[in-house]
Protein backbone atom coordinates (compact mmCIF):
# COMPACT_ATOMS: atom_id res chain seq x y z
CA MET A 1 -3.78 -22.50 -3.14
CA THR A 2 -4.83 -22.80 -6.77
CA ASP A 3 -2.73 -21.58 -9.68
CA THR A 4 -5.20 -19.13 -11.22
CA PRO A 5 -8.26 -17.36 -9.82
CA GLY A 6 -10.33 -17.75 -12.99
CA PRO A 7 -11.92 -14.67 -14.60
CA LEU A 8 -10.88 -11.58 -12.69
CA PRO A 9 -13.73 -9.50 -11.20
CA LEU A 10 -12.84 -6.18 -12.85
CA ARG A 11 -12.18 -7.63 -16.31
CA HIS A 12 -14.92 -5.47 -17.89
CA ILE A 13 -13.59 -2.19 -16.40
CA ARG A 14 -11.35 0.25 -18.25
CA VAL A 15 -9.25 2.83 -16.39
CA VAL A 16 -7.03 5.69 -17.56
CA GLU A 17 -4.28 6.60 -15.13
CA PHE A 18 -2.36 9.88 -14.87
CA THR A 19 -0.12 9.24 -11.88
CA HIS A 20 3.40 9.24 -10.52
CA MET A 21 5.23 8.34 -7.29
CA VAL A 22 3.23 5.96 -4.99
CA MET A 23 -0.29 6.98 -3.98
CA GLY A 24 -1.88 7.20 -7.43
CA PRO A 25 0.00 4.16 -8.78
CA THR A 26 -1.26 2.14 -5.81
CA VAL A 27 -4.84 2.83 -6.92
CA GLY A 28 -4.06 1.72 -10.45
CA MET A 29 -2.22 -1.38 -9.26
CA VAL A 30 -5.16 -2.53 -7.12
CA LEU A 31 -7.63 -2.15 -10.00
CA ALA A 32 -5.23 -3.68 -12.53
CA ASP A 33 -4.40 -6.66 -10.32
CA LEU A 34 -8.13 -7.32 -9.98
CA GLY A 35 -8.53 -7.42 -13.73
CA ALA A 36 -9.20 -3.88 -14.95
CA ASP A 37 -7.64 -2.77 -18.24
CA VAL A 38 -5.54 0.09 -16.89
CA VAL A 39 -3.77 2.37 -19.36
CA LYS A 40 -1.10 4.54 -17.80
CA VAL A 41 -0.71 7.80 -19.72
CA GLU A 42 2.91 8.94 -19.51
CA PRO A 43 4.45 12.18 -20.81
CA ALA A 44 6.42 11.87 -24.05
CA PRO A 45 9.20 11.19 -24.69
CA LYS A 46 10.71 9.69 -21.52
CA GLY A 47 7.62 8.62 -19.59
CA ASP A 48 6.85 8.83 -15.88
CA THR A 49 9.68 10.50 -13.95
CA THR A 50 9.15 7.91 -11.20
CA ARG A 51 10.97 5.46 -13.47
CA HIS A 52 14.19 7.39 -12.90
CA LEU A 53 14.14 8.02 -9.13
CA THR A 54 17.15 7.06 -7.04
CA GLY A 55 17.80 6.65 -3.32
CA SER A 56 14.78 5.55 -1.30
CA GLY A 57 12.61 6.10 -4.40
CA THR A 58 14.52 3.56 -6.49
CA GLY A 59 11.92 0.84 -6.02
CA PHE A 60 8.76 2.93 -6.44
CA TYR A 61 8.19 2.21 -10.13
CA ALA A 62 8.93 -1.51 -9.99
CA ALA A 63 6.79 -2.01 -6.89
CA PHE A 64 3.54 -0.39 -8.06
CA GLN A 65 3.44 -0.35 -11.88
CA ARG A 66 2.68 -3.91 -12.95
CA ASN A 67 -0.35 -5.00 -14.98
CA ARG A 68 -0.63 -1.70 -16.90
CA ARG A 69 -0.44 -0.80 -20.54
CA SER A 70 1.66 2.28 -21.28
CA LEU A 71 0.60 5.11 -23.57
CA CYS A 72 3.42 7.66 -23.82
CA VAL A 73 1.97 10.78 -25.44
CA ASP A 74 2.32 14.55 -25.54
CA VAL A 75 -1.03 15.59 -24.04
CA LYS A 76 -0.12 19.27 -24.47
CA SER A 77 -0.46 18.89 -28.22
CA PRO A 78 -3.96 19.07 -29.71
CA GLU A 79 -3.58 15.66 -31.36
CA GLY A 80 -2.25 14.03 -28.18
CA LEU A 81 -5.03 15.53 -26.08
CA ALA A 82 -7.65 14.38 -28.59
CA LEU A 83 -6.23 10.84 -28.50
CA VAL A 84 -6.33 10.76 -24.70
CA LYS A 85 -9.87 12.12 -24.60
CA ARG A 86 -10.93 9.43 -27.05
CA LEU A 87 -9.39 6.86 -24.70
CA ILE A 88 -11.21 8.33 -21.70
CA GLY A 89 -14.45 8.31 -23.67
CA ARG A 90 -14.38 4.52 -23.78
CA SER A 91 -13.29 4.12 -20.16
CA ASP A 92 -15.02 3.83 -16.80
CA ALA A 93 -12.62 5.70 -14.54
CA VAL A 94 -9.77 8.21 -14.49
CA ILE A 95 -7.12 8.33 -11.75
CA GLU A 96 -4.84 11.33 -11.20
CA ASN A 97 -2.53 12.49 -8.43
CA PHE A 98 -1.03 15.74 -9.67
CA ARG A 99 -1.10 19.18 -8.07
CA PRO A 100 -4.54 20.80 -7.66
CA GLY A 101 -5.49 22.42 -10.97
CA ALA A 102 -2.88 20.63 -13.09
CA MET A 103 -5.40 18.38 -14.86
CA ASP A 104 -7.78 21.32 -15.42
CA LYS A 105 -5.03 23.24 -17.23
CA LEU A 106 -4.60 20.28 -19.57
CA GLY A 107 -8.32 20.17 -20.31
CA LEU A 108 -8.64 16.91 -18.41
CA GLY A 109 -10.26 18.11 -15.18
CA TYR A 110 -13.33 16.54 -13.60
CA ALA A 111 -15.75 19.32 -14.53
CA GLU A 112 -14.92 19.20 -18.23
CA LEU A 113 -14.75 15.41 -18.56
CA SER A 114 -17.86 14.67 -16.48
CA ALA A 115 -19.90 17.19 -18.50
CA GLU A 116 -19.10 15.17 -21.61
CA GLN A 117 -19.30 11.78 -19.86
CA PRO A 118 -21.68 11.75 -16.84
CA GLY A 119 -20.95 8.09 -16.06
CA LEU A 120 -17.22 8.72 -15.61
CA ILE A 121 -15.69 7.99 -12.19
CA TYR A 122 -12.91 10.51 -11.61
CA CYS A 123 -10.45 9.81 -8.79
CA SER A 124 -8.16 12.54 -7.47
CA CYS A 125 -5.43 11.62 -4.99
CA LYS A 126 -4.18 14.70 -3.14
CA GLY A 127 -2.31 15.84 -0.07
CA PHE A 128 -5.47 17.16 1.59
CA LEU A 129 -9.18 16.89 1.01
CA PRO A 130 -11.05 20.17 0.33
CA GLY A 131 -10.54 22.61 3.19
CA PRO A 132 -8.06 25.19 4.51
CA TYR A 133 -5.03 23.02 3.67
CA GLU A 134 -6.08 21.83 0.22
CA HIS A 135 -3.59 23.95 -1.74
CA ARG A 136 -0.58 22.88 0.35
CA THR A 137 2.03 20.55 -1.08
CA ALA A 138 2.14 17.29 0.84
CA LEU A 139 4.27 14.16 0.76
CA ASP A 140 4.04 10.97 2.78
CA GLU A 141 6.67 12.12 5.28
CA VAL A 142 5.13 15.60 5.58
CA VAL A 143 1.78 14.27 6.77
CA GLN A 144 3.41 11.65 8.98
CA MET A 145 5.05 14.55 10.81
CA MET A 146 2.00 16.81 11.03
CA GLY A 147 -0.54 14.08 11.79
CA GLY A 148 1.23 12.42 14.71
CA LEU A 149 2.46 9.18 13.14
CA ALA A 150 6.11 10.24 13.33
CA TYR A 151 5.61 11.26 16.96
CA MET A 152 4.03 7.90 17.83
CA THR A 153 6.75 5.98 15.96
CA GLY A 154 9.88 7.65 17.30
CA LEU A 155 11.43 8.10 20.71
CA GLU A 156 10.39 10.90 23.04
CA GLY A 157 11.41 14.16 21.39
CA ARG A 158 12.69 12.34 18.28
CA PRO A 159 9.89 11.96 15.70
CA LEU A 160 10.60 9.23 13.19
CA ARG A 161 8.83 8.45 9.93
CA ALA A 162 7.47 4.93 9.50
CA GLY A 163 9.72 2.60 7.52
CA SER A 164 7.54 2.49 4.38
CA SER A 165 5.40 4.83 2.28
CA VAL A 166 2.54 3.69 4.47
CA ILE A 167 0.35 6.78 4.02
CA ASP A 168 0.73 6.80 0.24
CA ILE A 169 -0.15 3.12 0.06
CA MET A 170 -3.07 3.24 2.49
CA GLY A 171 -4.39 6.40 0.85
CA GLY A 172 -4.30 4.61 -2.50
CA LEU A 173 -6.17 1.64 -1.04
CA SER A 174 -8.85 4.00 0.31
CA ALA A 175 -9.22 5.58 -3.12
CA ALA A 176 -9.58 2.17 -4.75
CA ILE A 177 -12.29 1.21 -2.25
CA ALA A 178 -14.21 4.40 -3.07
CA ILE A 179 -13.92 3.76 -6.81
CA LEU A 180 -15.31 0.25 -6.34
CA ALA A 181 -18.18 1.66 -4.28
CA VAL A 182 -19.11 4.12 -7.03
CA LEU A 183 -18.85 1.40 -9.66
CA ALA A 184 -21.47 -0.54 -7.71
CA GLU A 185 -23.66 2.55 -7.35
CA ARG A 186 -23.35 3.40 -11.03
CA GLN A 187 -25.09 0.15 -11.95
CA HIS A 188 -28.26 1.68 -10.48
CA THR A 189 -27.82 5.39 -11.25
CA GLY A 190 -25.77 5.42 -14.46
CA ARG A 191 -23.75 8.30 -13.04
CA GLY A 192 -20.18 8.57 -11.86
CA ARG A 193 -18.74 10.69 -9.08
CA HIS A 194 -15.65 12.69 -8.23
CA VAL A 195 -13.80 10.45 -5.76
CA GLN A 196 -11.11 12.13 -3.68
CA ALA A 197 -8.60 10.63 -1.26
CA ALA A 198 -5.81 12.40 0.60
CA LEU A 199 -2.66 11.81 2.59
CA PHE A 200 -3.45 13.99 5.62
CA GLU A 201 -6.86 12.45 6.18
CA THR A 202 -5.27 9.00 5.84
CA VAL A 203 -2.79 9.64 8.64
CA ALA A 204 -5.64 11.08 10.73
CA LEU A 205 -7.48 7.75 10.43
CA LEU A 206 -4.35 5.91 11.56
CA MET A 207 -4.25 8.17 14.60
CA ALA A 208 -7.89 7.45 15.53
CA GLN A 209 -6.98 4.83 18.14
CA HIS A 210 -4.60 7.23 19.87
CA MET A 211 -7.12 10.09 19.73
CA ALA A 212 -9.75 7.82 21.26
CA GLN A 213 -7.32 6.77 23.97
CA ALA A 214 -6.63 10.43 24.79
CA ALA A 215 -10.36 11.17 24.96
CA ILE A 216 -11.07 8.19 27.21
CA THR A 217 -8.12 8.57 29.59
CA GLY A 218 -7.75 12.34 29.57
CA SER A 219 -4.02 11.97 28.85
CA PRO A 220 -2.23 12.14 25.51
CA PRO A 221 -0.63 8.77 24.70
CA PRO A 222 3.17 8.67 24.66
CA PRO A 223 5.09 7.34 21.65
CA MET A 224 4.70 3.60 21.24
CA SER A 225 8.48 3.30 21.60
CA THR A 226 8.00 3.93 25.34
CA ARG A 227 6.47 0.43 25.55
CA THR A 228 3.12 0.83 27.23
CA PRO A 229 1.40 -2.09 25.48
CA ALA A 230 -2.06 -3.37 26.29
CA TRP A 231 -0.74 -6.92 26.70
CA PRO A 232 1.21 -8.67 29.49
CA VAL A 233 3.95 -9.99 27.19
CA TYR A 234 4.32 -8.17 23.87
CA ASP A 235 8.01 -7.55 23.38
CA VAL A 236 11.24 -8.29 21.51
CA PHE A 237 13.50 -10.69 23.40
CA GLU A 238 17.20 -11.51 23.02
CA THR A 239 18.21 -15.13 22.45
CA ALA A 240 21.24 -17.17 23.50
CA ASP A 241 22.86 -16.93 20.06
CA GLY A 242 22.47 -13.16 19.72
CA GLY A 243 19.18 -13.25 17.81
CA GLN A 244 15.94 -11.42 18.48
CA VAL A 245 12.39 -12.75 18.53
CA PHE A 246 9.14 -10.91 19.15
CA VAL A 247 6.84 -12.89 21.47
CA GLY A 248 3.28 -12.15 22.53
CA VAL A 249 1.33 -13.76 25.40
CA VAL A 250 -1.99 -11.95 25.31
CA THR A 251 -4.63 -14.25 26.84
CA ASP A 252 -5.30 -15.74 30.26
CA THR A 253 -5.41 -19.23 28.76
CA ALA A 254 -1.97 -18.91 27.14
CA TRP A 255 -0.25 -17.65 30.29
CA PRO A 256 -0.08 -20.91 32.31
CA ALA A 257 1.18 -22.94 29.35
CA PHE A 258 3.77 -20.25 28.60
CA CYS A 259 5.00 -20.31 32.18
CA ASP A 260 5.20 -24.12 32.19
CA ALA A 261 7.15 -24.19 28.92
CA PHE A 262 9.77 -21.68 30.08
CA GLY A 263 10.14 -22.58 33.75
CA LEU A 264 8.32 -19.56 35.13
CA ASP A 265 6.60 -21.42 37.98
CA ALA A 266 6.87 -18.50 40.40
CA LEU A 267 5.04 -16.18 38.00
CA LYS A 268 2.41 -18.80 37.26
CA SER A 269 1.58 -19.35 40.93
CA ASP A 270 1.63 -15.66 41.91
CA PRO A 271 -1.99 -14.65 42.75
CA SER A 272 -1.21 -11.02 41.89
CA LEU A 273 -0.63 -12.13 38.28
CA ALA A 274 -3.81 -14.16 37.86
CA THR A 275 -5.49 -11.92 35.25
CA LYS A 276 -4.32 -10.20 32.12
CA GLN A 277 -4.96 -6.76 33.60
CA GLN A 278 -2.87 -7.63 36.66
CA ARG A 279 0.00 -8.84 34.52
CA VAL A 280 -0.11 -5.66 32.41
CA ALA A 281 0.13 -3.60 35.60
CA GLU A 282 3.10 -5.68 36.80
CA ARG A 283 5.14 -5.66 33.58
CA ALA A 284 7.99 -3.83 35.30
CA ARG A 285 8.78 -6.94 37.32
CA THR A 286 7.51 -9.72 35.04
CA ILE A 287 9.23 -8.77 31.78
CA PRO A 288 12.80 -8.97 33.18
CA ALA A 289 12.03 -12.46 34.48
CA VAL A 290 10.49 -13.50 31.16
CA ALA A 291 13.46 -12.07 29.26
CA ALA A 292 15.92 -14.01 31.40
CA ALA A 293 14.00 -17.25 30.83
CA LEU A 294 13.78 -16.79 27.06
CA ARG A 295 17.45 -15.81 26.78
CA ARG A 296 18.41 -19.41 27.59
CA PHE A 297 17.21 -20.53 24.15
CA THR A 298 18.63 -20.00 20.69
CA LYS A 299 16.55 -18.11 18.16
CA ALA A 300 15.49 -21.33 16.41
CA GLU A 301 14.67 -23.05 19.69
CA LEU A 302 12.60 -20.15 20.96
CA MET A 303 10.59 -19.92 17.73
CA ALA A 304 10.00 -23.68 17.76
CA LYS A 305 8.63 -23.56 21.30
CA CYS A 306 6.38 -20.59 20.47
CA GLU A 307 5.11 -22.46 17.41
CA GLU A 308 4.34 -25.51 19.55
CA LEU A 309 2.46 -23.37 22.07
CA GLY A 310 0.50 -21.51 19.38
CA LEU A 311 1.81 -18.13 20.52
CA PRO A 312 2.17 -15.12 18.23
CA TYR A 313 5.87 -14.74 17.52
CA ALA A 314 8.16 -13.34 14.85
CA PRO A 315 11.84 -13.15 14.03
CA ILE A 316 13.00 -9.59 13.41
CA GLY A 317 13.07 -9.62 9.63
CA ARG A 318 14.41 -7.31 6.95
CA PRO A 319 12.70 -6.50 3.65
CA ALA A 320 15.24 -8.30 1.45
CA GLU A 321 14.64 -11.53 3.41
CA LEU A 322 11.10 -11.67 1.99
CA PHE A 323 12.49 -12.72 -1.39
CA ASP A 324 13.20 -16.15 0.10
CA ASP A 325 10.26 -16.36 2.50
CA PRO A 326 8.90 -19.92 2.18
CA HIS A 327 5.28 -18.91 2.77
CA LEU A 328 5.29 -16.13 0.17
CA ASN A 329 6.99 -18.35 -2.38
CA ALA A 330 4.72 -21.34 -1.81
CA SER A 331 1.48 -19.34 -1.76
CA GLY A 332 1.97 -17.19 -4.85
CA GLY A 333 2.64 -14.14 -2.74
CA LEU A 334 5.49 -12.91 -4.94
CA VAL A 335 4.86 -11.74 -8.51
CA PRO A 336 7.64 -12.48 -11.05
CA LEU A 337 8.61 -9.27 -12.86
CA THR A 338 11.39 -8.09 -15.16
CA LEU A 339 13.33 -4.99 -14.14
CA PRO A 340 14.17 -2.36 -16.79
CA ASP A 341 17.72 -3.72 -17.02
CA GLY A 342 16.41 -7.20 -17.83
CA ARG A 343 16.97 -8.82 -14.46
CA PRO A 344 14.16 -10.91 -12.96
CA VAL A 345 12.68 -9.99 -9.60
CA LYS A 346 9.80 -11.18 -7.42
CA LEU A 347 7.74 -8.52 -5.63
CA PRO A 348 4.72 -8.82 -3.32
CA ALA A 349 1.32 -9.51 -4.82
CA LEU A 350 -1.87 -7.77 -3.75
CA PRO A 351 -2.58 -9.22 -0.27
CA VAL A 352 -5.79 -11.00 -1.26
CA SER A 353 -6.75 -14.30 -2.86
CA LEU A 354 -9.64 -15.07 -5.20
CA ASP A 355 -11.00 -18.61 -4.96
CA GLY A 356 -7.73 -19.56 -3.29
CA ALA A 357 -5.46 -17.99 -5.93
CA ARG A 358 -3.49 -14.77 -5.96
CA PRO A 359 -4.16 -12.25 -8.77
CA PRO A 360 -1.81 -13.10 -11.64
CA LEU A 361 0.65 -11.03 -13.63
CA ARG A 362 -0.95 -9.99 -16.93
CA HIS A 363 1.41 -7.18 -17.98
CA ASP A 364 5.07 -7.04 -16.94
CA LEU A 365 6.85 -3.77 -16.22
CA SER A 366 7.17 -2.16 -19.64
CA PRO A 367 9.14 0.62 -21.32
CA PRO A 368 7.42 4.00 -21.83
CA GLY A 369 4.93 3.77 -24.66
CA ALA A 370 5.27 0.01 -25.09
CA HIS A 371 1.59 -0.20 -26.02
CA ASN A 372 1.31 3.01 -28.06
CA ALA A 373 0.52 1.35 -31.39
CA GLU A 374 -1.80 -1.21 -29.84
CA ILE A 375 -3.86 1.38 -27.96
CA ALA A 376 -3.91 3.86 -30.84
CA ALA A 377 -5.17 1.13 -33.18
CA GLU A 378 -7.90 0.22 -30.71
CA LEU A 379 -8.98 3.88 -30.83
CA GLY A 380 -9.34 3.75 -34.60
CA LEU A 381 -6.05 5.23 -35.80
CA SER A 382 -4.53 3.78 -38.94
CA ASP A 383 -0.93 2.69 -39.29
CA ALA A 384 -0.27 5.88 -41.23
CA ASP A 385 -1.84 8.01 -38.47
CA ILE A 386 0.29 6.29 -35.84
CA ALA A 387 3.46 6.72 -37.91
CA ASP A 388 2.68 10.41 -38.35
CA LEU A 389 2.17 10.97 -34.61
CA ARG A 390 5.43 9.18 -33.91
CA ALA A 391 7.29 11.21 -36.50
CA ARG A 392 6.09 14.44 -34.87
CA GLY A 393 6.94 13.27 -31.34
CA ILE A 394 3.32 13.21 -30.19
CA LEU A 395 3.55 9.47 -29.58
CA ALA A 396 6.87 8.43 -28.10
């Protein structure tokens, strides 16, 4: 793993971001981490309300807002709107994730901006793509419930949301992919497009495997908590010291070595367990025997044996344990940031490497409007102009 990836691939791209919460900021983070100059436009005077969330939203801002510059401006004022439009005029893309029609009311909708700037790529992140549901309000948990993810995650009759804003994040990744596709196309056509991504359609894609299973088998799949895996051994096992380890034995070649290592000679020699499909069918009798054999080992011993055998395995981790994960720390997988109260923190990098290096931190988390003067000067405003806008509350 090298220290720096060299010139970042999107270093010549400028993006203006009007976002809050998670989905839209994920788009901006991806582009910013890959080198784009992303300016986040925040409402004056206090900035993005996501900064001030509590409860399960406490970490949203810190997790997804690095590598931006902040312009905190009153876009409802004529001068603020003019400044923002000047910024957009020198940019390649706009990202927004507000309610349908909100950007149009500000004079910043796709139709108006693209008429003035045909090469502009305009990305809208919504609850639903155009259709009968498009005017509904949606949140990550809402679409998890309506799209089947909560049903597949929970117990029978007890739908349960996934333990992360997985739909927001994946929807943002899909939007970023589409923006990159249009950037490539624009090199040949000179024209931008209106890119749209949505939460409901994202959860539908995650349900594709279960829909296909239903179509093939003729039966709706039960929640995954009912443990009907496609593999012979694919379970969480208790250890002698009260720990838990997930272990998978998914191939015919791994099975004999697994049985030898854990004293499961009877299972190894059983002709009715010779193939993977047979072992899947016989899980009701094999898994208790496997569990009893693995329970003789401590957590550390069991993981060491799985490592030696080359089996997929995992301790049952918690998010806070990732701060000290040796792999993430050694590989550049954690980005050093400064929280608003001044404390240092390390949060996960974009899960890619470029020439063996992870995308670096270029802009730390910053207060609202930290780059107001810098950006305004780049747009041609004088010191006196900037002071005047500040005095009138148009620039925070």
